[in-house]
C-alpha atoms as a PDB file:
ATOM      1  CA  MET A   1     -36.399  16.166  48.257  1.00  0.00           C
ATOM      2  CA  SER A   2     -35.361  16.588  51.884  1.00  0.00           C
ATOM      3  CA  GLU A   3     -33.759  19.762  53.197  1.00  0.00           C
ATOM      4  CA  ASP A   4     -30.675  17.771  54.284  1.00  0.00           C
ATOM      5  CA  SER A   5     -30.107  16.296  50.822  1.00  0.00           C
ATOM      6  CA  LEU A   6     -30.623  19.698  49.220  1.00  0.00           C
ATOM      7  CA  ALA A   7     -28.118  21.253  51.629  1.00  0.00           C
ATOM      8  CA  LEU A   8     -25.560  18.591  50.647  1.00  0.00           C
ATOM      9  CA  GLN A   9     -26.201  19.342  46.974  1.00  0.00           C
ATOM     10  CA  ILE A  10     -25.703  23.069  47.551  1.00  0.00           C
ATOM     11  CA  ARG A  11     -22.473  22.502  49.475  1.00  0.00           C
ATOM     12  CA  LYS A  12     -21.020  20.399  46.649  1.00  0.00           C
ATOM     13  CA  ASP A  13     -22.073  23.004  44.081  1.00  0.00           C
ATOM     14  CA  LEU A  14     -20.484  25.803  46.110  1.00  0.00           C
ATOM     15  CA  TYR A  15     -17.178  23.925  46.000  1.00  0.00           C
ATOM     16  CA  TRP A  16     -17.580  23.471  42.252  1.00  0.00           C
ATOM     17  CA  VAL A  17     -18.143  27.213  41.722  1.00  0.00           C
ATOM     18  CA  ALA A  18     -15.236  28.217  43.970  1.00  0.00           C
ATOM     19  CA  ARG A  19     -12.660  25.708  42.765  1.00  0.00           C
ATOM     20  CA  SER A  20     -13.465  24.852  39.156  1.00  0.00           C
ATOM     21  CA  PRO A  21     -11.219  26.311  36.475  1.00  0.00           C
ATOM     22  CA  SER A  22     -12.282  29.473  34.711  1.00  0.00           C
ATOM     23  CA  LEU A  23     -14.026  29.018  31.374  1.00  0.00           C
ATOM     24  CA  LEU A  24     -12.826  32.235  29.705  1.00  0.00           C
ATOM     25  CA  GLY A  25      -9.793  33.005  31.898  1.00  0.00           C
ATOM     26  CA  ASP A  26      -8.737  36.137  33.792  1.00  0.00           C
ATOM     27  CA  ASP A  27     -11.443  35.969  36.467  1.00  0.00           C
ATOM     28  CA  LEU A  28     -11.660  39.072  38.637  1.00  0.00           C
ATOM     29  CA  THR A  29     -11.365  37.016  41.820  1.00  0.00           C
ATOM     30  CA  ARG A  30     -11.856  33.594  43.406  1.00  0.00           C
ATOM     31  CA  PHE A  31     -13.824  32.652  46.497  1.00  0.00           C
ATOM     32  CA  ASP A  32     -11.957  29.682  47.971  1.00  0.00           C
ATOM     33  CA  GLU A  33     -11.742  31.446  51.339  1.00  0.00           C
ATOM     34  CA  SER A  34     -15.545  31.699  51.544  1.00  0.00           C
ATOM     35  CA  LEU A  35     -16.194  27.975  51.599  1.00  0.00           C
ATOM     36  CA  GLU A  36     -15.588  27.324  55.294  1.00  0.00           C
ATOM     37  CA  THR A  37     -18.032  29.954  56.517  1.00  0.00           C
ATOM     38  CA  VAL A  38     -20.713  30.088  53.827  1.00  0.00           C
ATOM     39  CA  ARG A  39     -24.260  29.342  54.989  1.00  0.00           C
ATOM     40  CA  VAL A  40     -26.597  27.374  52.790  1.00  0.00           C
ATOM     41  CA  ASP A  41     -29.858  28.494  54.402  1.00  0.00           C
ATOM     42  CA  LYS A  42     -30.148  31.589  52.193  1.00  0.00           C
ATOM     43  CA  ILE A  43     -29.577  29.461  49.085  1.00  0.00           C
ATOM     44  CA  LEU A  44     -32.321  27.085  50.223  1.00  0.00           C
ATOM     45  CA  GLU A  45     -34.709  30.018  49.783  1.00  0.00           C
ATOM     46  CA  PHE A  46     -33.765  30.111  46.086  1.00  0.00           C
ATOM     47  CA  PHE A  47     -35.616  26.832  45.534  1.00  0.00           C
ATOM     48  CA  GLU A  48     -38.869  28.488  46.546  1.00  0.00           C
ATOM     49  CA  SER A  49     -38.623  30.834  43.531  1.00  0.00           C
ATOM     50  CA  PRO A  50     -40.378  30.143  40.195  1.00  0.00           C
ATOM     51  CA  GLY A  51     -37.091  30.088  38.243  1.00  0.00           C
ATOM     52  CA  HIS A  52     -35.229  27.686  40.506  1.00  0.00           C
ATOM     53  CA  PHE A  53     -34.668  25.160  37.695  1.00  0.00           C
ATOM     54  CA  ARG A  54     -32.579  27.633  35.649  1.00  0.00           C
ATOM     55  CA  VAL A  55     -28.884  26.782  35.828  1.00  0.00           C
ATOM     56  CA  GLY A  56     -27.754  30.387  35.379  1.00  0.00           C
ATOM     57  CA  ARG A  57     -29.948  31.732  38.172  1.00  0.00           C
ATOM     58  CA  TYR A  58     -28.843  28.965  40.507  1.00  0.00           C
ATOM     59  CA  PHE A  59     -25.220  29.762  39.684  1.00  0.00           C
ATOM     60  CA  GLU A  60     -25.821  33.426  40.537  1.00  0.00           C
ATOM     61  CA  SER A  61     -27.330  32.485  43.914  1.00  0.00           C
ATOM     62  CA  LEU A  62     -24.226  30.415  44.732  1.00  0.00           C
ATOM     63  CA  VAL A  63     -21.880  33.257  43.763  1.00  0.00           C
ATOM     64  CA  SER A  64     -23.934  35.684  45.847  1.00  0.00           C
ATOM     65  CA  ALA A  65     -23.501  33.456  48.913  1.00  0.00           C
ATOM     66  CA  LEU A  66     -19.742  33.193  48.321  1.00  0.00           C
ATOM     67  CA  ILE A  67     -19.384  36.976  48.034  1.00  0.00           C
ATOM     68  CA  ALA A  68     -21.440  37.525  51.178  1.00  0.00           C
ATOM     69  CA  ASN A  69     -19.096  35.207  53.123  1.00  0.00           C
ATOM     70  CA  SER A  70     -15.829  36.386  51.581  1.00  0.00           C
ATOM     71  CA  PRO A  71     -13.131  37.836  53.872  1.00  0.00           C
ATOM     72  CA  ASP A  72     -11.961  39.997  50.953  1.00  0.00           C
ATOM     73  CA  TRP A  73     -15.215  41.379  49.581  1.00  0.00           C
ATOM     74  CA  ALA A  74     -18.488  42.889  50.794  1.00  0.00           C
ATOM     75  CA  LEU A  75     -21.605  42.583  48.673  1.00  0.00           C
ATOM     76  CA  ALA A  76     -22.768  46.080  47.725  1.00  0.00           C
ATOM     77  CA  GLY A  77     -25.596  45.143  45.353  1.00  0.00           C
ATOM     78  CA  SER A  78     -26.920  42.519  42.962  1.00  0.00           C
ATOM     79  CA  ASN A  79     -29.156  42.294  39.899  1.00  0.00           C
ATOM     80  CA  LEU A  80     -29.100  46.070  39.519  1.00  0.00           C
ATOM     81  CA  VAL A  81     -31.178  47.342  36.600  1.00  0.00           C
ATOM     82  CA  VAL A  82     -29.348  49.969  34.539  1.00  0.00           C
ATOM     83  CA  ARG A  83     -31.390  52.601  32.702  1.00  0.00           C
ATOM     84  CA  ASP A  84     -30.612  55.412  30.313  1.00  0.00           C
ATOM     85  CA  GLY A  85     -33.482  57.780  30.947  1.00  0.00           C
ATOM     86  CA  LYS A  86     -36.603  55.642  30.603  1.00  0.00           C
ATOM     87  CA  ARG A  87     -34.847  52.989  28.535  1.00  0.00           C
ATOM     88  CA  THR A  88     -33.607  49.791  30.237  1.00  0.00           C
ATOM     89  CA  ILE A  89     -30.043  49.087  29.101  1.00  0.00           C
ATOM     90  CA  GLY A  90     -29.230  45.945  31.053  1.00  0.00           C
ATOM     91  CA  GLU A  91     -28.502  44.568  34.499  1.00  0.00           C
ATOM     92  CA  ILE A  92     -25.353  44.498  36.621  1.00  0.00           C
ATOM     93  CA  ASP A  93     -24.931  41.099  38.271  1.00  0.00           C
ATOM     94  CA  PHE A  94     -22.979  42.223  41.356  1.00  0.00           C
ATOM     95  CA  LEU A  95     -21.253  45.216  42.930  1.00  0.00           C
ATOM     96  CA  MET A  96     -18.541  44.311  45.459  1.00  0.00           C
ATOM     97  CA  THR A  97     -16.420  46.450  47.767  1.00  0.00           C
ATOM     98  CA  ASP A  98     -12.892  45.440  48.798  1.00  0.00           C
ATOM     99  CA  ALA A  99     -11.166  46.101  52.117  1.00  0.00           C
ATOM    100  CA  SER A 100      -9.953  49.508  50.884  1.00  0.00           C
ATOM    101  CA  GLY A 101     -13.444  50.639  50.042  1.00  0.00           C
ATOM    102  CA  HIS A 102     -13.046  50.299  46.274  1.00  0.00           C
ATOM    103  CA  THR A 103     -16.101  49.106  44.367  1.00  0.00           C
ATOM    104  CA  PHE A 104     -15.982  46.645  41.478  1.00  0.00           C
ATOM    105  CA  GLN A 105     -18.589  45.322  39.068  1.00  0.00           C
ATOM    106  CA  LEU A 106     -18.659  41.529  38.731  1.00  0.00           C
ATOM    107  CA  GLU A 107     -20.438  39.784  35.860  1.00  0.00           C
ATOM    108  CA  VAL A 108     -20.884  36.021  36.160  1.00  0.00           C
ATOM    109  CA  ALA A 109     -21.668  33.301  33.649  1.00  0.00           C
ATOM    110  CA  VAL A 110     -21.870  29.525  33.594  1.00  0.00           C
ATOM    111  CA  LYS A 111     -22.006  28.053  30.090  1.00  0.00           C
ATOM    112  CA  PHE A 112     -21.929  24.672  28.389  1.00  0.00           C
ATOM    113  CA  TYR A 113     -20.731  24.661  24.782  1.00  0.00           C
ATOM    114  CA  LEU A 114     -20.229  21.858  22.279  1.00  0.00           C
ATOM    115  CA  CYS A 115     -17.231  22.035  19.956  1.00  0.00           C
ATOM    116  CA  GLY A 116     -17.344  21.025  16.309  1.00  0.00           C
ATOM    117  CA  GLU A 117     -17.078  22.281  12.739  1.00  0.00           C
ATOM    118  CA  PHE A 118     -19.921  24.756  13.118  1.00  0.00           C
ATOM    119  CA  GLU A 119     -18.259  28.023  12.088  1.00  0.00           C
ATOM    120  CA  GLU A 120     -19.616  28.155   8.534  1.00  0.00           C
ATOM    121  CA  GLU A 121     -23.228  27.965   9.734  1.00  0.00           C
ATOM    122  CA  PHE A 122     -23.028  29.531  13.201  1.00  0.00           C
ATOM    123  CA  GLU A 123     -19.898  31.760  12.926  1.00  0.00           C
ATOM    124  CA  CYS A 124     -18.325  29.886  15.832  1.00  0.00           C
ATOM    125  CA  ASN A 125     -17.075  26.359  16.526  1.00  0.00           C
ATOM    126  CA  PHE A 126     -18.465  26.438  20.088  1.00  0.00           C
ATOM    127  CA  ILE A 127     -22.247  26.425  20.337  1.00  0.00           C
ATOM    128  CA  GLY A 128     -24.748  25.676  23.066  1.00  0.00           C
ATOM    129  CA  PRO A 129     -27.390  22.928  23.103  1.00  0.00           C
ATOM    130  CA  ASN A 130     -29.533  25.753  21.769  1.00  0.00           C
ATOM    131  CA  ALA A 131     -27.400  26.518  18.727  1.00  0.00           C
ATOM    132  CA  ARG A 132     -28.296  30.217  18.763  1.00  0.00           C
ATOM    133  CA  ASP A 133     -26.132  30.535  21.889  1.00  0.00           C
ATOM    134  CA  THR A 134     -22.475  30.664  20.825  1.00  0.00           C
ATOM    135  CA  LEU A 135     -19.252  31.228  22.735  1.00  0.00           C
ATOM    136  CA  SER A 136     -18.180  34.126  20.520  1.00  0.00           C
ATOM    137  CA  ARG A 137     -21.479  35.968  21.028  1.00  0.00           C
ATOM    138  CA  LYS A 138     -21.415  35.440  24.796  1.00  0.00           C
ATOM    139  CA  ARG A 139     -17.822  36.606  25.134  1.00  0.00           C
ATOM    140  CA  ALA A 140     -18.470  39.664  22.963  1.00  0.00           C
ATOM    141  CA  ARG A 141     -21.563  40.599  24.968  1.00  0.00           C
ATOM    142  CA  LEU A 142     -19.644  40.308  28.229  1.00  0.00           C
ATOM    143  CA  LEU A 143     -16.762  42.467  26.977  1.00  0.00           C
ATOM    144  CA  ASP A 144     -18.631  45.004  24.859  1.00  0.00           C
ATOM    145  CA  HIS A 145     -21.852  45.401  26.827  1.00  0.00           C
ATOM    146  CA  GLN A 146     -22.161  43.877  30.282  1.00  0.00           C
ATOM    147  CA  LEU A 147     -18.740  44.824  31.678  1.00  0.00           C
ATOM    148  CA  ARG A 148     -19.197  48.405  30.456  1.00  0.00           C
ATOM    149  CA  LEU A 149     -22.603  48.985  32.017  1.00  0.00           C
ATOM    150  CA  GLY A 150     -21.255  50.367  35.291  1.00  0.00           C
ATOM    151  CA  GLU A 151     -18.758  52.637  33.547  1.00  0.00           C
ATOM    152  CA  ARG A 152     -21.205  54.010  30.974  1.00  0.00           C
ATOM    153  CA  PHE A 153     -24.551  54.125  32.750  1.00  0.00           C
ATOM    154  CA  GLY A 154     -24.014  53.229  36.389  1.00  0.00           C
ATOM    155  CA  THR A 155     -23.480  56.666  37.939  1.00  0.00           C
ATOM    156  CA  GLY A 156     -26.911  56.496  39.529  1.00  0.00           C
ATOM    157  CA  ILE A 157     -25.985  53.131  41.054  1.00  0.00           C
ATOM    158  CA  CYS A 158     -22.315  53.614  41.904  1.00  0.00           C
ATOM    159  CA  SER A 159     -20.544  56.918  41.356  1.00  0.00           C
ATOM    160  CA  ASP A 160     -17.026  55.701  42.205  1.00  0.00           C
ATOM    161  CA  LEU A 161     -16.650  52.402  40.364  1.00  0.00           C
ATOM    162  CA  THR A 162     -13.012  51.286  40.403  1.00  0.00           C
ATOM    163  CA  GLY A 163     -13.199  48.530  37.790  1.00  0.00           C
ATOM    164  CA  SER A 164     -15.063  45.535  36.457  1.00  0.00           C
ATOM    165  CA  GLY A 165     -14.429  41.887  35.674  1.00  0.00           C
ATOM    166  CA  TRP A 166     -16.036  38.509  35.281  1.00  0.00           C
ATOM    167  CA  LEU A 167     -16.193  35.111  36.908  1.00  0.00           C
ATOM    168  CA  THR A 168     -16.899  32.343  34.388  1.00  0.00           C
ATOM    169  CA  ARG A 169     -17.421  28.625  34.814  1.00  0.00           C
ATOM    170  CA  GLY A 170     -18.640  25.822  32.579  1.00  0.00           C
ATOM    171  CA  VAL A 171     -17.657  22.899  30.401  1.00  0.00           C
ATOM    172  CA  ILE A 172     -16.598  22.587  26.771  1.00  0.00           C
ATOM    173  CA  PHE A 173     -17.732  19.328  25.198  1.00  0.00           C
ATOM    174  CA  TYR A 174     -15.653  17.818  22.397  1.00  0.00           C
ATOM    175  CA  PRO A 175     -16.900  15.231  19.861  1.00  0.00           C
ATOM    176  CA  PHE A 176     -15.925  11.696  20.743  1.00  0.00           C
ATOM    177  CA  GLU A 177     -14.644  11.331  17.161  1.00  0.00           C
ATOM    178  CA  GLY A 178     -12.458  13.942  15.496  1.00  0.00           C
ATOM    179  CA  ASP A 179      -9.385  15.997  16.211  1.00  0.00           C
ATOM    180  CA  PHE A 180     -10.797  18.647  18.541  1.00  0.00           C
ATOM    181  CA  GLY A 181      -9.269  17.517  21.804  1.00  0.00           C
ATOM    182  CA  SER A 182      -6.678  20.255  22.356  1.00  0.00           C
ATOM    183  CA  GLY A 183      -9.189  23.043  22.862  1.00  0.00           C
ATOM    184  CA  ASN A 184      -6.476  25.694  22.440  1.00  0.00           C
ATOM    185  CA  ASP A 185      -8.901  28.342  21.265  1.00  0.00           C
ATOM    186  CA  SER A 186      -8.107  31.962  22.017  1.00  0.00           C
ATOM    187  CA  LEU A 187     -11.641  32.485  23.336  1.00  0.00           C
ATOM    188  CA  LEU A 188     -11.120  29.976  26.157  1.00  0.00           C
ATOM    189  CA  SER A 189      -8.988  29.517  29.222  1.00  0.00           C
ATOM    190  CA  PRO A 190      -6.380  26.818  28.409  1.00  0.00           C
ATOM    191  CA  GLY A 191      -7.338  24.958  31.589  1.00  0.00           C
ATOM    192  CA  HIS A 192     -11.099  24.927  31.039  1.00  0.00           C
ATOM    193  CA  SER A 193     -13.181  21.903  32.047  1.00  0.00           C
ATOM    194  CA  ARG A 194     -13.787  19.364  29.291  1.00  0.00           C
ATOM    195  CA  GLY A 195     -16.367  16.727  28.426  1.00  0.00           C
ATOM    196  CA  LEU A 196     -17.523  14.737  25.405  1.00  0.00           C
ATOM    197  CA  TRP A 197     -20.619  14.992  23.266  1.00  0.00           C
ATOM    198  CA  VAL A 198     -22.374  12.444  21.067  1.00  0.00           C
ATOM    199  CA  ARG A 199     -25.594  12.243  19.071  1.00  0.00           C
ATOM    200  CA  ALA A 200     -28.146   9.807  20.439  1.00  0.00           C
ATOM    201  CA  SER A 201     -27.962   7.835  17.195  1.00  0.00           C
ATOM    202  CA  GLU A 202     -24.205   7.325  17.778  1.00  0.00           C
ATOM    203  CA  LEU A 203     -24.341   6.009  21.344  1.00  0.00           C
ATOM    204  CA  GLU A 204     -23.747   2.362  20.447  1.00  0.00           C
ATOM    205  CA  ARG A 205     -20.691   3.319  18.394  1.00  0.00           C
ATOM    206  CA  PHE A 206     -19.515   5.584  21.203  1.00  0.00           C
ATOM    207  CA  PHE A 207     -19.687   2.765  23.750  1.00  0.00           C
ATOM    208  CA  SER A 208     -17.928   0.394  21.350  1.00  0.00           C
ATOM    209  CA  SER A 209     -15.068   2.877  21.035  1.00  0.00           C
ATOM    210  CA  GLN A 210     -14.493   3.047  24.790  1.00  0.00           C
ATOM    211  CA  GLU A 211     -11.957   0.957  26.678  1.00  0.00           C
ATOM    212  CA  PRO A 212     -13.405  -2.159  28.377  1.00  0.00           C
ATOM    213  CA  SER A 213     -12.617  -0.500  31.690  1.00  0.00           C
ATOM    214  CA  GLY A 214     -14.522   2.627  30.688  1.00  0.00           C
ATOM    215  CA  ALA A 215     -17.591   3.943  32.486  1.00  0.00           C
ATOM    216  CA  SER A 216     -20.479   1.497  32.724  1.00  0.00           C
ATOM    217  CA  THR A 217     -22.835   3.647  34.820  1.00  0.00           C
ATOM    218  CA  PHE A 218     -24.124   7.078  33.798  1.00  0.00           C
ATOM    219  CA  ARG A 219     -26.043   9.539  35.943  1.00  0.00           C
ATOM    220  CA  LEU A 220     -28.623  11.856  34.438  1.00  0.00           C
ATOM    221  CA  LEU A 221     -28.082  15.488  35.504  1.00  0.00           C
ATOM    222  CA  ARG A 222     -31.317  17.388  35.904  1.00  0.00           C
ATOM    223  CA  LYS A 223     -31.507  21.167  35.938  1.00  0.00           C
ATOM    224  CA  PRO A 224     -30.360  23.121  37.829  1.00  0.00           C
ATOM    225  CA  PHE A 225     -27.863  20.497  39.037  1.00  0.00           C
ATOM    226  CA  TRP A 226     -25.488  20.635  36.074  1.00  0.00           C
ATOM    227  CA  LEU A 227     -22.544  21.831  38.190  1.00  0.00           C
ATOM    228  CA  SER A 228     -21.005  19.299  40.592  1.00  0.00           C
ATOM    229  CA  GLY A 229     -23.504  16.603  39.617  1.00  0.00           C
ATOM    230  CA  ASP A 230     -26.975  15.514  40.699  1.00  0.00           C
ATOM    231  CA  TRP A 231     -26.833  14.184  44.262  1.00  0.00           C
ATOM    232  CA  ILE A 232     -30.555  14.258  45.052  1.00  0.00           C
ATOM    233  CA  ASP A 233     -32.458  11.073  44.224  1.00  0.00           C
ATOM    234  CA  PRO A 234     -29.948  10.219  41.468  1.00  0.00           C
ATOM    235  CA  VAL A 235     -31.120   8.520  38.267  1.00  0.00           C
ATOM    236  CA  ASP A 236     -28.414   6.097  37.081  1.00  0.00           C
ATOM    237  CA  PHE A 237     -28.288   3.971  33.917  1.00  0.00           C
ATOM    238  CA  ASP A 238     -26.149   1.176  32.618  1.00  0.00           C
ATOM    239  CA  ARG A 239     -25.180   1.450  28.946  1.00  0.00           C
ATOM    240  CA  GLU A 240     -28.154  -0.446  27.512  1.00  0.00           C
ATOM    241  CA  ALA A 241     -30.666   1.383  29.684  1.00  0.00           C
ATOM    242  CA  MET A 242     -29.107   4.711  28.743  1.00  0.00           C
ATOM    243  CA  ILE A 243     -29.387   3.941  25.010  1.00  0.00           C
ATOM    244  CA  SER A 244     -33.052   3.013  25.463  1.00  0.00           C
ATOM    245  CA  TRP A 245     -33.791   6.110  27.571  1.00  0.00           C
ATOM    246  CA  CYS A 246     -32.092   8.422  25.054  1.00  0.00           C
ATOM    247  CA  ARG A 247     -34.151   6.986  22.197  1.00  0.00           C
ATOM    248  CA  LYS A 248     -37.325   7.948  24.060  1.00  0.00           C
ATOM    249  CA  GLU A 249     -36.266  11.221  25.631  1.00  0.00           C
ATOM    250  CA  VAL A 250     -33.517  12.702  23.468  1.00  0.00           C
ATOM    251  CA  THR A 251     -34.424  11.454  19.980  1.00  0.00           C
ATOM    252  CA  ALA A 252     -38.208  11.386  20.238  1.00  0.00           C
ATOM    253  CA  GLN A 253     -38.516  14.571  22.318  1.00  0.00           C
ATOM    254  CA  ASN A 254     -35.717  16.504  20.559  1.00  0.00           C
ATOM    255  CA  ARG A 255     -34.275  17.328  23.958  1.00  0.00           C
ATOM    256  CA  PRO A 256     -30.538  17.075  24.779  1.00  0.00           C
ATOM    257  CA  ALA A 257     -29.450  15.434  28.021  1.00  0.00           C
ATOM    258  CA  LEU A 258     -26.368  15.738  30.216  1.00  0.00           C
ATOM    259  CA  PHE A 259     -24.823  12.754  32.017  1.00  0.00           C
ATOM    260  CA  ALA A 260     -22.040  12.245  34.542  1.00  0.00           C
ATOM    261  CA  SER A 261     -19.803   9.212  35.029  1.00  0.00           C
ATOM    262  CA  GLY A 262     -16.636   8.175  36.828  1.00  0.00           C
ATOM    263  CA  SER A 263     -15.847   7.297  40.418  1.00  0.00           C
ATOM    264  CA  GLU A 264     -16.390  10.919  41.497  1.00  0.00           C
ATOM    265  CA  TRP A 265     -19.072  11.625  38.874  1.00  0.00           C
ATOM    266  CA  ASP A 266     -16.789  14.280  37.395  1.00  0.00           C
ATOM    267  CA  ASN A 267     -16.787  13.124  33.752  1.00  0.00           C
ATOM    268  CA  ARG A 268     -19.412  14.726  31.538  1.00  0.00           C
ATOM    269  CA  LEU A 269     -21.198  13.442  28.426  1.00  0.00           C
ATOM    270  CA  PHE A 270     -23.724  15.507  26.474  1.00  0.00           C
ATOM    271  CA  VAL A 271     -26.169  13.522  24.331  1.00  0.00           C
ATOM    272  CA  VAL A 272     -27.946  15.548  21.638  1.00  0.00           C
ATOM    273  CA  PRO A 273     -30.713  14.648  19.155  1.00  0.00           C
ATOM    274  CA  PRO A 274     -29.645  13.017  15.866  1.00  0.00           C
ATOM    275  CA  GLY A 275     -30.474  16.162  13.856  1.00  0.00           C
ATOM    276  CA  TRP A 276     -28.686  18.589  16.147  1.00  0.00           C
ATOM    277  CA  PRO A 277     -27.691  21.427  15.666  1.00  0.00           C
ATOM    278  CA  SER A 278     -30.496  22.231  13.208  1.00  0.00           C
ATOM    279  CA  GLU A 279     -32.963  24.690  14.749  1.00  0.00           C
ATOM    280  CA  ASP A 280     -35.887  22.270  14.814  1.00  0.00           C
ATOM    281  CA  SER A 281     -33.852  19.717  16.791  1.00  0.00           C
ATOM    282  CA  VAL A 282     -33.349  21.869  19.894  1.00  0.00           C
ATOM    283  CA  ARG A 283     -35.793  22.726  22.653  1.00  0.00           C
END
């Protein structure tokens, strides 16, 4: 990939992070004002790291750049390991200082959950492609553990912490069949981003259920470019080619895949293996 195409990708993803709706609601702050001045050169360095394909780490690098270019905040620290004696308790994502000199802890998360009747087996109706990752567990960990790290154990890092909060982004995917479309769950922001999910074995039925004017081209989103879309050497499929590809890659390899469609590539479709969400059907 060229540096110019990667810079374009980063710029589009920065806009997605700054302007997408919150996933869980009540974000500590937004970073719309950072977009005009943010530099992408520091984020380019992220792609030289071993973990550059991880969506969460990429998301953190984008947030870090937005904080560093914010007129309202100064970055005071990031990825700060918190210890209780010799025991490692966790890690604070960011410390930020406002114009008055007050310091806040910011925890960030980008998540992609699929909605369905999963509560009996997984204790939550919103689960990740890896079914062990659930919305209820993530929210509880943020509230009960991560957001309390600075208050409980952070005196060696920041002695005058004013408060803490989160910034959350992501997409909730609803089954293409079933009455789950409202998404009015108390765990979520009412305005969260939405997509659809389907098992690979149901793709033909899914396409048959769509309006004739529905999407006919689907773009594969490769990690870490699950945010605004994949703009670098895009891999696009028509419906028949997508069905064939999913048989080989999703069904045979037991590996879910994320696609984008629409004139702005802003519609999302998650395709999961036929046996999902059983444990042996997720990698």
